[in-house]
């Protein structure tokens, strides 16, 4: 996964999360945490690469699958 902005590039990033796992994403301000979460949850579609859920590209997955992915952001 890679997200490119004029003054910031996130990635390439690659990882897997197993079913039932809880994951915390930590880092300093401006490190790309929110950008990564937006790309993973489908809120940011202007990205390179694939986000898969149960082996399916998230862009092609049913809405009900995406509804089960969330994050608590600052705003």
PDB file of N, CA and C in Angstrom:
ATOM      1  N   UNK A   1       0.851  -1.169   0.000  1.00  0.00           N
ATOM      2  CA  UNK A   1       0.000   0.000   0.000  1.00  0.00           C
ATOM      3  C   UNK A   1       0.896   1.230   0.000  1.00  0.00           C
ATOM      4  N   UNK A   2       0.535   2.192  -0.801  1.00  0.00           N
ATOM      5  CA  UNK A   2       1.312   3.436  -0.869  1.00  0.00           C
ATOM      6  C   UNK A   2       0.361   4.582  -1.152  1.00  0.00           C
ATOM      7  N   UNK A   3       0.520   5.683  -0.421  1.00  0.00           N
ATOM      8  CA  UNK A   3      -0.262   6.900  -0.622  1.00  0.00           C
ATOM      9  C   UNK A   3       0.723   8.038  -0.845  1.00  0.00           C
ATOM     10  N   UNK A   4       0.528   8.786  -1.921  1.00  0.00           N
ATOM     11  CA  UNK A   4       1.449   9.860  -2.270  1.00  0.00           C
ATOM     12  C   UNK A   4       0.714  11.196  -2.242  1.00  0.00           C
ATOM     13  N   UNK A   5       1.241  12.106  -1.466  1.00  0.00           N
ATOM     14  CA  UNK A   5       0.794  13.497  -1.430  1.00  0.00           C
ATOM     15  C   UNK A   5       1.950  14.356  -1.941  1.00  0.00           C
ATOM     16  N   UNK A   6       1.700  15.608  -2.276  1.00  0.00           N
ATOM     17  CA  UNK A   6       2.802  16.451  -2.775  1.00  0.00           C
ATOM     18  C   UNK A   6       3.996  16.541  -1.822  1.00  0.00           C
ATOM     19  N   UNK A   7       3.754  16.603  -0.510  1.00  0.00           N
ATOM     20  CA  UNK A   7       4.864  16.766   0.432  1.00  0.00           C
ATOM     21  C   UNK A   7       5.060  15.579   1.373  1.00  0.00           C
ATOM     22  N   UNK A   8       4.359  14.475   1.114  1.00  0.00           N
ATOM     23  CA  UNK A   8       4.426  13.329   2.022  1.00  0.00           C
ATOM     24  C   UNK A   8       4.087  12.055   1.261  1.00  0.00           C
ATOM     25  N   UNK A   9       4.849  11.016   1.497  1.00  0.00           N
ATOM     26  CA  UNK A   9       4.539   9.698   0.932  1.00  0.00           C
ATOM     27  C   UNK A   9       4.492   8.682   2.060  1.00  0.00           C
ATOM     28  N   UNK A  10       3.411   7.935   2.111  1.00  0.00           N
ATOM     29  CA  UNK A  10       3.263   6.861   3.076  1.00  0.00           C
ATOM     30  C   UNK A  10       3.526   5.547   2.357  1.00  0.00           C
ATOM     31  N   UNK A  11       4.501   4.821   2.830  1.00  0.00           N
ATOM     32  CA  UNK A  11       4.741   3.492   2.286  1.00  0.00           C
ATOM     33  C   UNK A  11       5.953   3.421   1.409  1.00  0.00           C
ATOM     34  N   UNK A  12       6.142   2.284   0.833  1.00  0.00           N
ATOM     35  CA  UNK A  12       5.179   1.188   0.799  1.00  0.00           C
ATOM     36  C   UNK A  12       5.048   0.490   2.156  1.00  0.00           C
ATOM     37  N   UNK A  13       3.815   0.087   2.466  1.00  0.00           N
ATOM     38  CA  UNK A  13       3.480  -0.577   3.721  1.00  0.00           C
ATOM     39  C   UNK A  13       2.848  -1.916   3.383  1.00  0.00           C
ATOM     40  N   UNK A  14       3.249  -2.955   4.097  1.00  0.00           N
ATOM     41  CA  UNK A  14       2.674  -4.273   3.898  1.00  0.00           C
ATOM     42  C   UNK A  14       2.605  -4.978   5.244  1.00  0.00           C
ATOM     43  N   UNK A  15       1.439  -5.491   5.593  1.00  0.00           N
ATOM     44  CA  UNK A  15       1.291  -6.251   6.830  1.00  0.00           C
ATOM     45  C   UNK A  15       0.013  -7.069   6.753  1.00  0.00           C
ATOM     46  N   UNK A  16      -0.125  -8.001   7.668  1.00  0.00           N
ATOM     47  CA  UNK A  16      -1.325  -8.831   7.759  1.00  0.00           C
ATOM     48  C   UNK A  16      -1.803  -8.832   9.205  1.00  0.00           C
ATOM     49  N   UNK A  17      -3.109  -8.820   9.368  1.00  0.00           N
ATOM     50  CA  UNK A  17      -3.725  -8.893  10.689  1.00  0.00           C
ATOM     51  C   UNK A  17      -4.637 -10.111  10.671  1.00  0.00           C
ATOM     52  N   UNK A  18      -4.427 -11.021  11.602  1.00  0.00           N
ATOM     53  CA  UNK A  18      -5.227 -12.237  11.666  1.00  0.00           C
ATOM     54  C   UNK A  18      -6.574 -11.958  12.327  1.00  0.00           C
ATOM     55  N   UNK A  19      -7.548 -12.767  11.986  1.00  0.00           N
ATOM     56  CA  UNK A  19      -8.867 -12.632  12.592  1.00  0.00           C
ATOM     57  C   UNK A  19      -8.786 -12.690  14.103  1.00  0.00           C
ATOM     58  N   UNK A  20      -9.505 -11.801  14.771  1.00  0.00           N
ATOM     59  CA  UNK A  20      -9.525 -11.766  16.225  1.00  0.00           C
ATOM     60  C   UNK A  20      -8.417 -10.955  16.864  1.00  0.00           C
ATOM     61  N   UNK A  21      -7.444 -10.511  16.065  1.00  0.00           N
ATOM     62  CA  UNK A  21      -6.354  -9.701  16.608  1.00  0.00           C
ATOM     63  C   UNK A  21      -6.827  -8.270  16.862  1.00  0.00           C
ATOM     64  N   UNK A  22      -6.265  -7.670  17.875  1.00  0.00           N
ATOM     65  CA  UNK A  22      -6.446  -6.251  18.140  1.00  0.00           C
ATOM     66  C   UNK A  22      -5.101  -5.585  17.878  1.00  0.00           C
ATOM     67  N   UNK A  23      -5.130  -4.490  17.122  1.00  0.00           N
ATOM     68  CA  UNK A  23      -3.895  -3.836  16.716  1.00  0.00           C
ATOM     69  C   UNK A  23      -3.925  -2.378  17.142  1.00  0.00           C
ATOM     70  N   UNK A  24      -2.825  -1.904  17.687  1.00  0.00           N
ATOM     71  CA  UNK A  24      -2.663  -0.484  18.009  1.00  0.00           C
ATOM     72  C   UNK A  24      -1.640   0.103  17.045  1.00  0.00           C
ATOM     73  N   UNK A  25      -1.936   1.266  16.546  1.00  0.00           N
ATOM     74  CA  UNK A  25      -1.040   1.946  15.620  1.00  0.00           C
ATOM     75  C   UNK A  25      -0.501   3.179  16.330  1.00  0.00           C
ATOM     76  N   UNK A  26       0.789   3.186  16.586  1.00  0.00           N
ATOM     77  CA  UNK A  26       1.422   4.260  17.341  1.00  0.00           C
ATOM     78  C   UNK A  26       2.478   4.953  16.502  1.00  0.00           C
ATOM     79  N   UNK A  27       2.628   6.244  16.700  1.00  0.00           N
ATOM     80  CA  UNK A  27       3.664   7.001  16.012  1.00  0.00           C
ATOM     81  C   UNK A  27       3.489   8.482  16.258  1.00  0.00           C
ATOM     82  N   UNK A  28       4.495   9.263  15.908  1.00  0.00           N
ATOM     83  CA  UNK A  28       4.422  10.710  16.133  1.00  0.00           C
ATOM     84  C   UNK A  28       3.425  11.382  15.192  1.00  0.00           C
ATOM     85  N   UNK A  29       3.067  12.617  15.525  1.00  0.00           N
ATOM     86  CA  UNK A  29       2.201  13.411  14.653  1.00  0.00           C
ATOM     87  C   UNK A  29       2.820  13.505  13.268  1.00  0.00           C
ATOM     88  N   UNK A  30       1.977  13.355  12.251  1.00  0.00           N
ATOM     89  CA  UNK A  30       2.454  13.489  10.880  1.00  0.00           C
ATOM     90  C   UNK A  30       3.112  12.249  10.306  1.00  0.00           C
ATOM     91  N   UNK A  31       3.096  11.140  11.041  1.00  0.00           N
ATOM     92  CA  UNK A  31       3.754   9.921  10.572  1.00  0.00           C
ATOM     93  C   UNK A  31       2.932   9.165   9.537  1.00  0.00           C
ATOM     94  N   UNK A  32       1.633   9.458   9.439  1.00  0.00           N
ATOM     95  CA  UNK A  32       0.785   8.794   8.455  1.00  0.00           C
ATOM     96  C   UNK A  32      -0.213   7.807   9.039  1.00  0.00           C
ATOM     97  N   UNK A  33      -0.414   7.825  10.348  1.00  0.00           N
ATOM     98  CA  UNK A  33      -1.330   6.881  10.988  1.00  0.00           C
ATOM     99  C   UNK A  33      -2.754   7.039  10.454  1.00  0.00           C
ATOM    100  N   UNK A  34      -3.257   8.244  10.439  1.00  0.00           N
ATOM    101  CA  UNK A  34      -4.621   8.490   9.962  1.00  0.00           C
ATOM    102  C   UNK A  34      -4.731   8.219   8.469  1.00  0.00           C
ATOM    103  N   UNK A  35      -3.736   8.589   7.707  1.00  0.00           N
ATOM    104  CA  UNK A  35      -3.737   8.292   6.274  1.00  0.00           C
ATOM    105  C   UNK A  35      -3.812   6.792   6.045  1.00  0.00           C
ATOM    106  N   UNK A  36      -3.024   6.020   6.775  1.00  0.00           N
ATOM    107  CA  UNK A  36      -3.051   4.570   6.655  1.00  0.00           C
ATOM    108  C   UNK A  36      -4.435   4.025   6.993  1.00  0.00           C
ATOM    109  N   UNK A  37      -5.014   4.487   8.089  1.00  0.00           N
ATOM    110  CA  UNK A  37      -6.331   3.995   8.490  1.00  0.00           C
ATOM    111  C   UNK A  37      -7.411   4.384   7.492  1.00  0.00           C
ATOM    112  N   UNK A  38      -7.313   5.565   6.930  1.00  0.00           N
ATOM    113  CA  UNK A  38      -8.286   5.970   5.904  1.00  0.00           C
ATOM    114  C   UNK A  38      -8.162   5.105   4.657  1.00  0.00           C
ATOM    115  N   UNK A  39      -6.944   4.765   4.283  1.00  0.00           N
ATOM    116  CA  UNK A  39      -6.734   3.897   3.111  1.00  0.00           C
ATOM    117  C   UNK A  39      -7.261   2.493   3.385  1.00  0.00           C
ATOM    118  N   UNK A  40      -7.021   1.981   4.577  1.00  0.00           N
ATOM    119  CA  UNK A  40      -7.463   0.634   4.925  1.00  0.00           C
ATOM    120  C   UNK A  40      -8.982   0.551   4.978  1.00  0.00           C
ATOM    121  N   UNK A  41      -9.632   1.563   5.528  1.00  0.00           N
ATOM    122  CA  UNK A  41     -11.087   1.518   5.699  1.00  0.00           C
ATOM    123  C   UNK A  41     -11.849   1.940   4.456  1.00  0.00           C
ATOM    124  N   UNK A  42     -11.150   2.342   3.405  1.00  0.00           N
ATOM    125  CA  UNK A  42     -11.838   2.728   2.179  1.00  0.00           C
ATOM    126  C   UNK A  42     -12.255   4.180   2.122  1.00  0.00           C
ATOM    127  N   UNK A  43     -11.902   4.953   3.126  1.00  0.00           N
ATOM    128  CA  UNK A  43     -12.233   6.379   3.119  1.00  0.00           C
ATOM    129  C   UNK A  43     -11.287   7.171   2.224  1.00  0.00           C
ATOM    130  N   UNK A  44     -10.172   6.564   1.865  1.00  0.00           N
ATOM    131  CA  UNK A  44      -9.187   7.183   0.984  1.00  0.00           C
ATOM    132  C   UNK A  44      -8.942   6.209  -0.170  1.00  0.00           C
ATOM    133  N   UNK A  45      -9.474   6.535  -1.328  1.00  0.00           N
ATOM    134  CA  UNK A  45      -9.377   5.626  -2.461  1.00  0.00           C
ATOM    135  C   UNK A  45      -8.239   5.983  -3.405  1.00  0.00           C
ATOM    136  N   UNK A  46      -7.673   7.187  -3.259  1.00  0.00           N
ATOM    137  CA  UNK A  46      -6.569   7.617  -4.119  1.00  0.00           C
ATOM    138  C   UNK A  46      -5.260   7.083  -3.554  1.00  0.00           C
ATOM    139  N   UNK A  47      -5.010   5.794  -3.824  1.00  0.00           N
ATOM    140  CA  UNK A  47      -3.849   5.117  -3.275  1.00  0.00           C
ATOM    141  C   UNK A  47      -3.352   4.094  -4.280  1.00  0.00           C
ATOM    142  N   UNK A  48      -2.143   3.647  -4.059  1.00  0.00           N
ATOM    143  CA  UNK A  48      -1.568   2.579  -4.875  1.00  0.00           C
ATOM    144  C   UNK A  48      -1.583   1.303  -4.044  1.00  0.00           C
ATOM    145  N   UNK A  49      -1.770   0.187  -4.686  1.00  0.00           N
ATOM    146  CA  UNK A  49      -1.741  -1.079  -3.979  1.00  0.00           C
ATOM    147  C   UNK A  49      -3.131  -1.590  -3.659  1.00  0.00           C
ATOM    148  N   UNK A  50      -3.146  -2.657  -2.912  1.00  0.00           N
ATOM    149  CA  UNK A  50      -4.394  -3.356  -2.620  1.00  0.00           C
ATOM    150  C   UNK A  50      -4.542  -3.539  -1.115  1.00  0.00           C
ATOM    151  N   UNK A  51      -5.751  -3.341  -0.632  1.00  0.00           N
ATOM    152  CA  UNK A  51      -6.110  -3.692   0.740  1.00  0.00           C
ATOM    153  C   UNK A  51      -7.063  -4.870   0.615  1.00  0.00           C
ATOM    154  N   UNK A  52      -6.670  -5.997   1.205  1.00  0.00           N
ATOM    155  CA  UNK A  52      -7.495  -7.189   1.099  1.00  0.00           C
ATOM    156  C   UNK A  52      -8.134  -7.526   2.434  1.00  0.00           C
ATOM    157  N   UNK A  53      -9.363  -7.982   2.344  1.00  0.00           N
ATOM    158  CA  UNK A  53     -10.095  -8.468   3.509  1.00  0.00           C
ATOM    159  C   UNK A  53     -10.576  -9.869   3.166  1.00  0.00           C
ATOM    160  N   UNK A  54     -10.102 -10.852   3.906  1.00  0.00           N
ATOM    161  CA  UNK A  54     -10.427 -12.259   3.641  1.00  0.00           C
ATOM    162  C   UNK A  54     -10.097 -12.627   2.193  1.00  0.00           C
ATOM    163  N   UNK A  55      -8.963 -12.105   1.702  1.00  0.00           N
ATOM    164  CA  UNK A  55      -8.503 -12.454   0.365  1.00  0.00           C
ATOM    165  C   UNK A  55      -9.159 -11.704  -0.775  1.00  0.00           C
ATOM    166  N   UNK A  56     -10.029 -10.741  -0.466  1.00  0.00           N
ATOM    167  CA  UNK A  56     -10.702  -9.956  -1.511  1.00  0.00           C
ATOM    168  C   UNK A  56     -10.271  -8.504  -1.431  1.00  0.00           C
ATOM    169  N   UNK A  57     -10.105  -7.894  -2.594  1.00  0.00           N
ATOM    170  CA  UNK A  57      -9.799  -6.464  -2.648  1.00  0.00           C
ATOM    171  C   UNK A  57     -10.941  -5.730  -1.962  1.00  0.00           C
ATOM    172  N   UNK A  58     -10.611  -4.875  -1.014  1.00  0.00           N
ATOM    173  CA  UNK A  58     -11.634  -4.175  -0.232  1.00  0.00           C
ATOM    174  C   UNK A  58     -12.564  -3.345  -1.110  1.00  0.00           C
ATOM    175  N   UNK A  59     -12.060  -2.862  -2.253  1.00  0.00           N
ATOM    176  CA  UNK A  59     -12.902  -2.069  -3.155  1.00  0.00           C
ATOM    177  C   UNK A  59     -14.000  -2.917  -3.786  1.00  0.00           C
ATOM    178  N   UNK A  60     -13.797  -4.226  -3.824  1.00  0.00           N
ATOM    179  CA  UNK A  60     -14.772  -5.132  -4.426  1.00  0.00           C
ATOM    180  C   UNK A  60     -15.581  -5.899  -3.380  1.00  0.00           C
ATOM    181  N   UNK A  61     -15.253  -5.741  -2.118  1.00  0.00           N
ATOM    182  CA  UNK A  61     -15.936  -6.462  -1.047  1.00  0.00           C
ATOM    183  C   UNK A  61     -17.325  -5.868  -0.804  1.00  0.00           C
ATOM    184  N   UNK A  62     -18.236  -6.658  -0.289  1.00  0.00           N
ATOM    185  CA  UNK A  62     -19.578  -6.141   0.029  1.00  0.00           C
ATOM    186  C   UNK A  62     -19.504  -5.021   1.067  1.00  0.00           C
ATOM    187  N   UNK A  63     -20.452  -4.113   1.010  1.00  0.00           N
ATOM    188  CA  UNK A  63     -20.507  -3.004   1.973  1.00  0.00           C
ATOM    189  C   UNK A  63     -20.544  -3.516   3.414  1.00  0.00           C
ATOM    190  N   UNK A  64     -21.190  -4.649   3.630  1.00  0.00           N
ATOM    191  CA  UNK A  64     -21.293  -5.200   4.986  1.00  0.00           C
ATOM    192  C   UNK A  64     -19.917  -5.545   5.556  1.00  0.00           C
ATOM    193  N   UNK A  65     -18.965  -5.919   4.694  1.00  0.00           N
ATOM    194  CA  UNK A  65     -17.608  -6.208   5.160  1.00  0.00           C
ATOM    195  C   UNK A  65     -16.934  -4.925   5.612  1.00  0.00           C
ATOM    196  N   UNK A  66     -17.042  -3.884   4.779  1.00  0.00           N
ATOM    197  CA  UNK A  66     -16.408  -2.608   5.116  1.00  0.00           C
ATOM    198  C   UNK A  66     -17.020  -2.007   6.380  1.00  0.00           C
ATOM    199  N   UNK A  67     -18.279  -2.291   6.615  1.00  0.00           N
ATOM    200  CA  UNK A  67     -18.959  -1.760   7.805  1.00  0.00           C
ATOM    201  C   UNK A  67     -18.369  -2.311   9.096  1.00  0.00           C
ATOM    202  N   UNK A  68     -17.674  -3.423   9.018  1.00  0.00           N
ATOM    203  CA  UNK A  68     -17.080  -4.035  10.195  1.00  0.00           C
ATOM    204  C   UNK A  68     -15.669  -3.541  10.483  1.00  0.00           C
ATOM    205  N   UNK A  69     -15.156  -2.665   9.645  1.00  0.00           N
ATOM    206  CA  UNK A  69     -13.830  -2.094   9.824  1.00  0.00           C
ATOM    207  C   UNK A  69     -14.003  -0.656  10.265  1.00  0.00           C
ATOM    208  N   UNK A  70     -13.371  -0.293  11.342  1.00  0.00           N
ATOM    209  CA  UNK A  70     -13.502   1.084  11.795  1.00  0.00           C
ATOM    210  C   UNK A  70     -12.307   1.508  12.621  1.00  0.00           C
ATOM    211  N   UNK A  71     -12.295   2.778  12.894  1.00  0.00           N
ATOM    212  CA  UNK A  71     -11.259   3.296  13.788  1.00  0.00           C
ATOM    213  C   UNK A  71     -11.801   4.533  14.465  1.00  0.00           C
ATOM    214  N   UNK A  72     -11.264   4.793  15.639  1.00  0.00           N
ATOM    215  CA  UNK A  72     -11.655   5.970  16.409  1.00  0.00           C
ATOM    216  C   UNK A  72     -10.583   7.027  16.182  1.00  0.00           C
ATOM    217  N   UNK A  73     -10.898   8.005  15.348  1.00  0.00           N
ATOM    218  CA  UNK A  73      -9.968   9.084  15.069  1.00  0.00           C
ATOM    219  C   UNK A  73     -10.115  10.232  16.046  1.00  0.00           C
ATOM    220  N   UNK A  74      -9.215  11.154  15.931  1.00  0.00           N
ATOM    221  CA  UNK A  74      -9.231  12.313  16.828  1.00  0.00           C
ATOM    222  C   UNK A  74     -10.438  13.197  16.591  1.00  0.00           C
ATOM    223  N   UNK A  75     -10.818  13.358  15.311  1.00  0.00           N
ATOM    224  CA  UNK A  75     -11.939  14.254  15.002  1.00  0.00           C
ATOM    225  C   UNK A  75     -13.048  13.485  14.355  1.00  0.00           C
TER     226      UNK A  75
END
